[in-house]
């Protein structure tokens, strides 16, 4: 996926363009661009009432009028919110608004919506805080979270060994990447050998890029041709390249590939890999290391899991298969104990 921003140049980025040391340190499990809305299925209706009926039975509401699922305030949890965070009565949440159905702009091209923000809303409700959504570029959220501009990040961020040095996490969803290709293709992607010599689009500075780079090393060690990685400035450009045959594969957050497979006629999922390969990881709310917010968010998420509002949000966006039975707080201190040390790959279903 490409970086998020409200404005971006079109066209392919050179493969040599990298994000720098900091972005490598905090590489995302998934990221994309506001142009993603243009690359998904077509929506019907006006900007105030657009929906997309998908083949998986989900009717996606992409209008600004979200009528989000809400939760009641938990006074005991609200009392645990760190004073510096709760003093303004708001939970300031960063999101990168670019990947349907996770976080993207509604049909008015300005209202951020998606499953990530619905989950953030549940957390804010439980903590008795107003949800203050701030759309930011992918490269800015780490620095602005460290500076205190953002109190939490809900944007499909995966937990990894580098990020726990700077941030604490409250897990809320499984983290998988999907390989997608044209429907007429015969690819089945289960490991490095399956991408040899193929052109694969990927976002710079992402966990999926790390996976492909590692797979390319495997291929080179075997004397096989590595995949040719291609970088585009937006999801719209990426999907156009895929559908036109300029790339063979795209690797993206699994929920986004599911959305496209079920709302377009020309693409299908041809593989699935854990975003933490060769270990496993989870998507999590991200907050500044040591500020005390992550454990409170964890409790709020577990309260939402218990009362059923969490399941309703995931079902609304077609993400039920990525539900977790419980949220856990992950920090640098306990990160090692959360790792399984095994990869999960398989088919798209």
Protein backbone atom coordinates (compact mmCIF):
# COMPACT_ATOMS: atom_id res chain seq x y z
CA UNK A 1 0.00 0.00 0.00
CA UNK A 2 1.14 3.53 -0.58
CA UNK A 3 1.39 6.22 2.02
CA UNK A 4 -1.68 8.13 3.08
CA UNK A 5 -2.26 11.81 2.47
CA UNK A 6 -5.09 14.03 1.32
CA UNK A 7 -3.23 14.95 -1.86
CA UNK A 8 -0.77 12.82 -3.79
CA UNK A 9 1.05 12.70 -7.09
CA UNK A 10 -0.07 10.14 -9.63
CA UNK A 11 2.15 7.51 -11.21
CA UNK A 12 4.63 4.94 -10.04
CA UNK A 13 7.31 5.62 -7.48
CA UNK A 14 10.79 4.33 -8.27
CA UNK A 15 11.64 1.12 -6.44
CA UNK A 16 14.62 2.90 -4.92
CA UNK A 17 12.41 5.28 -2.97
CA UNK A 18 12.50 4.28 0.67
CA UNK A 19 11.06 5.95 3.71
CA UNK A 20 14.09 6.30 5.91
CA UNK A 21 15.16 4.80 9.18
CA UNK A 22 12.24 5.90 11.32
CA UNK A 23 9.58 4.68 8.94
CA UNK A 24 11.34 1.35 8.60
CA UNK A 25 11.29 1.11 12.37
CA UNK A 26 7.56 1.68 12.60
CA UNK A 27 6.47 0.05 9.33
CA UNK A 28 2.71 -0.52 9.15
CA UNK A 29 0.97 -3.83 8.81
CA UNK A 30 -1.17 -2.18 6.21
CA UNK A 31 -1.48 1.23 4.69
CA UNK A 32 -2.93 2.88 1.63
CA UNK A 33 -4.25 6.11 0.17
CA UNK A 34 -7.50 8.08 0.12
CA UNK A 35 -7.68 7.18 -3.54
CA UNK A 36 -8.62 3.70 -2.41
CA UNK A 37 -12.26 4.68 -2.46
CA UNK A 38 -11.97 5.03 -6.21
CA UNK A 39 -10.40 1.62 -6.59
CA UNK A 40 -13.05 -0.40 -4.83
CA UNK A 41 -16.47 -1.40 -6.03
CA UNK A 42 -18.82 1.20 -7.40
CA UNK A 43 -21.28 2.73 -5.00
CA UNK A 44 -24.89 3.46 -5.68
CA UNK A 45 -27.03 6.35 -4.61
CA UNK A 46 -26.22 9.91 -3.67
CA UNK A 47 -23.34 11.14 -1.57
CA UNK A 48 -25.65 11.19 1.44
CA UNK A 49 -26.89 7.62 1.04
CA UNK A 50 -24.41 5.52 -0.96
CA UNK A 51 -24.22 1.78 -0.42
CA UNK A 52 -22.42 -1.12 -2.05
CA UNK A 53 -24.09 -4.52 -2.01
CA UNK A 54 -21.28 -7.08 -2.08
CA UNK A 55 -21.37 -10.72 -3.14
CA UNK A 56 -20.44 -11.80 0.39
CA UNK A 57 -23.78 -10.47 1.62
CA UNK A 58 -22.43 -7.30 3.21
CA UNK A 59 -24.04 -3.99 2.30
CA UNK A 60 -21.31 -1.40 2.75
CA UNK A 61 -22.47 2.07 3.76
CA UNK A 62 -19.97 4.50 2.25
CA UNK A 63 -21.99 7.66 2.92
CA UNK A 64 -21.08 10.33 5.50
CA UNK A 65 -24.19 9.31 7.47
CA UNK A 66 -22.73 6.30 9.24
CA UNK A 67 -25.12 5.80 12.16
CA UNK A 68 -22.29 4.08 13.99
CA UNK A 69 -22.87 1.36 16.50
CA UNK A 70 -22.48 2.98 19.89
CA UNK A 71 -21.66 1.79 23.40
CA UNK A 72 -22.51 3.13 26.82
CA UNK A 73 -20.06 4.80 29.15
CA UNK A 74 -18.36 2.56 31.70
CA UNK A 75 -17.77 4.79 34.70
CA UNK A 76 -15.14 2.49 36.19
CA UNK A 77 -13.14 2.53 32.95
CA UNK A 78 -13.59 6.27 32.50
CA UNK A 79 -12.02 6.79 35.91
CA UNK A 80 -8.89 4.93 34.74
CA UNK A 81 -8.17 7.23 31.79
CA UNK A 82 -4.84 9.00 32.44
CA UNK A 83 -5.52 12.57 33.58
CA UNK A 84 -3.46 14.22 30.85
CA UNK A 85 -5.44 12.36 28.19
CA UNK A 86 -8.91 12.74 29.64
CA UNK A 87 -8.72 16.36 30.75
CA UNK A 88 -10.15 17.78 27.49
CA UNK A 89 -12.95 15.21 27.36
CA UNK A 90 -11.72 13.86 24.01
CA UNK A 91 -9.94 10.81 22.69
CA UNK A 92 -7.84 12.15 19.83
CA UNK A 93 -7.44 9.33 17.32
CA UNK A 94 -5.27 9.32 14.22
CA UNK A 95 -6.25 7.40 11.12
CA UNK A 96 -4.92 7.34 7.60
CA UNK A 97 -8.27 7.18 5.77
CA UNK A 98 -7.35 5.22 2.71
CA UNK A 99 -8.32 1.55 2.59
CA UNK A 100 -11.89 0.27 2.21
CA UNK A 101 -13.37 -1.04 4.47
CA UNK A 102 -10.84 -0.22 7.19
CA UNK A 103 -10.40 3.54 7.08
CA UNK A 104 -11.34 5.68 4.09
CA UNK A 105 -13.21 8.78 2.99
CA UNK A 106 -16.97 8.64 2.52
CA UNK A 107 -18.70 9.62 -0.72
CA UNK A 108 -18.41 13.29 0.25
CA UNK A 109 -14.60 12.89 -0.07
CA UNK A 110 -14.02 14.41 3.36
CA UNK A 111 -15.67 12.34 6.12
CA UNK A 112 -13.40 9.57 7.46
CA UNK A 113 -15.29 6.31 7.98
CA UNK A 114 -14.63 2.58 8.22
CA UNK A 115 -14.26 -0.30 10.66
CA UNK A 116 -11.21 1.19 12.38
CA UNK A 117 -13.13 4.31 13.32
CA UNK A 118 -16.18 2.34 14.40
CA UNK A 119 -13.99 0.42 16.85
CA UNK A 120 -12.39 3.66 18.01
CA UNK A 121 -15.90 5.00 18.60
CA UNK A 122 -16.73 2.06 20.86
CA UNK A 123 -13.57 2.70 22.90
CA UNK A 124 -14.29 6.41 23.21
CA UNK A 125 -17.87 5.67 24.29
CA UNK A 126 -16.75 3.20 26.93
CA UNK A 127 -14.28 5.75 28.30
CA UNK A 128 -16.84 8.55 28.32
CA UNK A 129 -14.85 10.61 25.82
CA UNK A 130 -15.73 12.38 22.59
CA UNK A 131 -14.10 10.78 19.57
CA UNK A 132 -11.85 13.33 17.85
CA UNK A 133 -10.72 11.86 14.51
CA UNK A 134 -7.59 13.28 12.91
CA UNK A 135 -6.68 12.16 9.39
CA UNK A 136 -2.93 12.10 8.88
CA UNK A 137 -0.35 10.78 6.48
CA UNK A 138 1.23 7.44 7.28
CA UNK A 139 4.67 8.95 7.73
CA UNK A 140 3.36 11.44 10.32
CA UNK A 141 1.46 9.30 12.80
CA UNK A 142 4.54 7.93 14.63
CA UNK A 143 6.07 11.36 15.21
CA UNK A 144 2.78 13.00 16.13
CA UNK A 145 1.89 10.21 18.54
CA UNK A 146 5.26 10.64 20.20
CA UNK A 147 4.74 14.41 20.41
CA UNK A 148 1.30 13.99 22.00
CA UNK A 149 -0.73 15.37 19.09
CA UNK A 150 -2.42 11.97 18.78
CA UNK A 151 -3.46 9.94 21.80
CA UNK A 152 -4.19 6.73 19.91
CA UNK A 153 -3.91 5.40 16.37
CA UNK A 154 -6.61 3.21 14.85
CA UNK A 155 -5.41 2.50 11.33
CA UNK A 156 -4.72 -1.22 10.87
CA UNK A 157 -1.38 -0.94 12.67
CA UNK A 158 0.30 -4.28 13.28
CA UNK A 159 2.40 -4.99 16.35
CA UNK A 160 6.07 -5.70 15.66
CA UNK A 161 9.37 -5.87 17.52
CA UNK A 162 10.48 -2.42 16.36
CA UNK A 163 7.27 -0.59 17.21
CA UNK A 164 7.09 -1.85 20.78
CA UNK A 165 10.24 0.14 21.48
CA UNK A 166 8.21 3.32 20.98
CA UNK A 167 4.56 2.43 21.49
CA UNK A 168 2.15 0.32 23.53
CA UNK A 169 -0.68 -1.65 21.96
CA UNK A 170 -4.21 -2.93 22.62
CA UNK A 171 -5.03 -5.68 20.14
CA UNK A 172 -8.43 -5.80 18.43
CA UNK A 173 -8.23 -7.76 15.16
CA UNK A 174 -6.32 -10.48 13.36
CA UNK A 175 -3.70 -9.22 10.89
CA UNK A 176 -3.48 -10.83 7.49
CA UNK A 177 -2.34 -9.76 4.04
CA UNK A 178 -4.03 -10.90 0.87
CA UNK A 179 -2.50 -11.42 -2.54
CA UNK A 180 -4.88 -10.35 -5.30
CA UNK A 181 -4.70 -10.83 -9.04
CA UNK A 182 -6.87 -10.59 -12.13
CA UNK A 183 -9.70 -13.10 -12.08
CA UNK A 184 -8.36 -14.71 -15.24
CA UNK A 185 -5.03 -15.56 -13.57
CA UNK A 186 -4.03 -19.00 -12.29
CA UNK A 187 -1.73 -17.92 -9.45
CA UNK A 188 -1.79 -19.56 -6.02
CA UNK A 189 0.50 -17.77 -3.57
CA UNK A 190 1.66 -19.73 -0.54
CA UNK A 191 5.31 -18.76 -0.27
CA UNK A 192 8.39 -17.30 -1.89
CA UNK A 193 8.56 -19.75 -4.80
CA UNK A 194 5.14 -18.62 -6.02
CA UNK A 195 6.18 -15.01 -6.64
CA UNK A 196 9.42 -15.74 -8.50
CA UNK A 197 9.79 -13.43 -11.49
CA UNK A 198 6.39 -11.80 -11.01
CA UNK A 199 5.66 -8.08 -10.80
CA UNK A 200 4.15 -7.38 -7.37
CA UNK A 201 2.85 -4.01 -6.19
CA UNK A 202 3.44 -3.16 -2.54
CA UNK A 203 3.56 -0.14 -0.28
CA UNK A 204 6.95 1.19 0.73
CA UNK A 205 7.74 0.95 4.44
CA UNK A 206 5.01 -1.61 5.17
CA UNK A 207 5.07 -5.03 6.79
CA UNK A 208 3.99 -6.53 3.48
CA UNK A 209 7.07 -5.03 1.85
CA UNK A 210 9.21 -6.66 4.55
CA UNK A 211 7.63 -10.01 3.71
CA UNK A 212 8.33 -9.65 0.00
CA UNK A 213 11.91 -8.53 0.59
CA UNK A 214 12.47 -11.59 2.80
CA UNK A 215 10.91 -13.86 0.19
CA UNK A 216 13.13 -12.33 -2.49
CA UNK A 217 16.19 -13.18 -0.39
CA UNK A 218 14.96 -16.77 -0.22
CA UNK A 219 14.56 -16.85 -3.98
CA UNK A 220 18.00 -15.37 -4.63
CA UNK A 221 19.56 -17.91 -2.26
CA UNK A 222 17.95 -20.66 -4.36
CA UNK A 223 19.19 -19.12 -7.59
CA UNK A 224 15.66 -18.18 -8.64
CA UNK A 225 14.45 -14.88 -10.05
CA UNK A 226 13.17 -12.52 -7.35
CA UNK A 227 9.85 -10.75 -7.68
CA UNK A 228 9.95 -7.26 -9.16
CA UNK A 229 8.46 -4.92 -6.56
CA UNK A 230 6.46 -1.99 -7.88
CA UNK A 231 5.42 1.10 -5.91
CA UNK A 232 2.45 3.34 -6.65
CA UNK A 233 1.31 6.59 -5.09
CA UNK A 234 -2.26 5.52 -4.31
CA UNK A 235 -4.53 2.50 -4.08
CA UNK A 236 -6.37 3.76 -7.14
CA UNK A 237 -3.15 3.71 -9.18
CA UNK A 238 -2.20 0.34 -7.73
CA UNK A 239 -5.48 -1.33 -8.64
CA UNK A 240 -5.49 0.26 -12.09
CA UNK A 241 -2.04 -1.22 -12.71
CA UNK A 242 -3.25 -4.62 -11.53
CA UNK A 243 -6.46 -4.64 -13.55
CA UNK A 244 -4.65 -3.45 -16.68
CA UNK A 245 -1.96 -6.12 -16.42
CA UNK A 246 0.96 -3.83 -15.65
CA UNK A 247 1.45 -5.78 -12.43
CA UNK A 248 0.79 -9.47 -11.81
CA UNK A 249 -0.06 -9.30 -8.12
CA UNK A 250 -0.89 -6.83 -5.38
CA UNK A 251 -0.36 -7.53 -1.69
CA UNK A 252 -2.73 -5.58 0.57
CA UNK A 253 -4.60 -5.79 3.88
CA UNK A 254 -6.76 -8.88 3.64
CA UNK A 255 -10.02 -7.01 4.42
CA UNK A 256 -9.39 -4.72 1.45
CA UNK A 257 -8.75 -7.62 -0.88
CA UNK A 258 -11.96 -9.29 0.34
CA UNK A 259 -13.86 -6.08 -0.33
CA UNK A 260 -12.54 -5.83 -3.88
CA UNK A 261 -13.10 -9.52 -4.61
CA UNK A 262 -16.74 -9.11 -3.60
CA UNK A 263 -17.47 -5.76 -5.23
CA UNK A 264 -15.52 -6.00 -8.50
CA UNK A 265 -15.80 -8.44 -11.39
CA UNK A 266 -12.14 -8.49 -12.42
CA UNK A 267 -10.12 -9.34 -9.27
CA UNK A 268 -9.78 -12.29 -6.93
CA UNK A 269 -7.75 -13.31 -3.88
CA UNK A 270 -4.99 -15.81 -4.68
CA UNK A 271 -3.18 -16.08 -1.35
CA UNK A 272 -3.12 -15.08 2.30
CA UNK A 273 -0.25 -14.55 4.74
CA UNK A 274 0.00 -13.39 8.33
CA UNK A 275 1.15 -9.78 8.46
CA UNK A 276 3.80 -10.72 11.00
CA UNK A 277 5.39 -13.43 8.86
CA UNK A 278 7.39 -15.50 9.77
CA UNK A 279 5.75 -15.04 13.16
CA UNK A 280 2.20 -13.88 13.80
CA UNK A 281 0.93 -10.45 14.70
CA UNK A 282 -2.30 -8.62 15.48
CA UNK A 283 -3.82 -5.28 14.58
CA UNK A 284 -3.89 -2.99 17.58
CA UNK A 285 -4.72 0.44 18.90
CA UNK A 286 -1.39 2.25 19.23
CA UNK A 287 -0.47 4.72 21.95
CA UNK A 288 2.67 6.30 23.33
CA UNK A 289 4.84 3.91 25.30
CA UNK A 290 4.34 4.12 29.04
CA UNK A 291 1.55 6.72 29.13
CA UNK A 292 -0.94 4.30 30.67
CA UNK A 293 -3.56 4.47 27.92
CA UNK A 294 -3.09 1.05 26.27
CA UNK A 295 -4.31 -1.01 29.28
CA UNK A 296 -7.43 1.17 29.52
CA UNK A 297 -8.16 0.75 25.81
CA UNK A 298 -7.69 -3.00 26.26
CA UNK A 299 -10.32 -3.03 29.01
CA UNK A 300 -12.67 -0.93 26.88
CA UNK A 301 -12.26 -3.33 23.95
CA UNK A 302 -12.90 -6.33 26.16
CA UNK A 303 -16.04 -4.65 27.47
CA UNK A 304 -17.19 -4.12 23.86
CA UNK A 305 -16.40 -7.75 23.05
CA UNK A 306 -18.43 -8.88 26.05
CA UNK A 307 -21.50 -6.74 25.29
CA UNK A 308 -21.55 -7.68 21.60
CA UNK A 309 -20.98 -4.23 20.11
CA UNK A 310 -17.51 -5.25 18.86
CA UNK A 311 -18.96 -8.20 16.93
CA UNK A 312 -21.64 -5.97 15.40
CA UNK A 313 -18.99 -3.57 14.09
CA UNK A 314 -16.94 -6.33 12.47
CA UNK A 315 -20.05 -7.94 11.00
CA UNK A 316 -21.12 -4.58 9.59
CA UNK A 317 -17.90 -4.34 7.59
CA UNK A 318 -17.58 -8.03 6.67
CA UNK A 319 -14.67 -8.64 9.04
CA UNK A 320 -16.12 -11.25 11.38
CA UNK A 321 -13.47 -13.83 10.49
CA UNK A 322 -10.81 -11.50 11.93
CA UNK A 323 -12.48 -11.14 15.33
CA UNK A 324 -10.46 -11.77 18.49
CA UNK A 325 -11.87 -13.51 21.58
CA UNK A 326 -10.18 -10.90 23.77
CA UNK A 327 -7.98 -7.84 23.59
CA UNK A 328 -4.54 -7.92 25.17
CA UNK A 329 -2.08 -5.18 26.04
CA UNK A 330 1.25 -5.67 24.30
CA UNK A 331 4.34 -3.72 25.36
CA UNK A 332 8.06 -4.10 24.92
CA UNK A 333 8.16 -5.97 28.22
CA UNK A 334 5.79 -8.76 27.16
CA UNK A 335 6.18 -8.71 23.37
CA UNK A 336 8.48 -11.74 23.18
CA UNK A 337 5.98 -13.91 25.04
CA UNK A 338 3.26 -13.06 22.50
CA UNK A 339 5.22 -14.42 19.53
CA UNK A 340 4.48 -17.90 18.22
CA UNK A 341 7.50 -18.08 15.96
CA UNK A 342 5.51 -19.70 13.18
CA UNK A 343 4.07 -18.30 10.00
CA UNK A 344 0.51 -18.71 8.76
CA UNK A 345 -0.03 -18.92 5.06
CA UNK A 346 -2.83 -20.41 3.06
CA UNK A 347 -5.57 -19.93 0.55
CA UNK A 348 -7.85 -16.94 0.44
CA UNK A 349 -10.67 -18.66 2.30
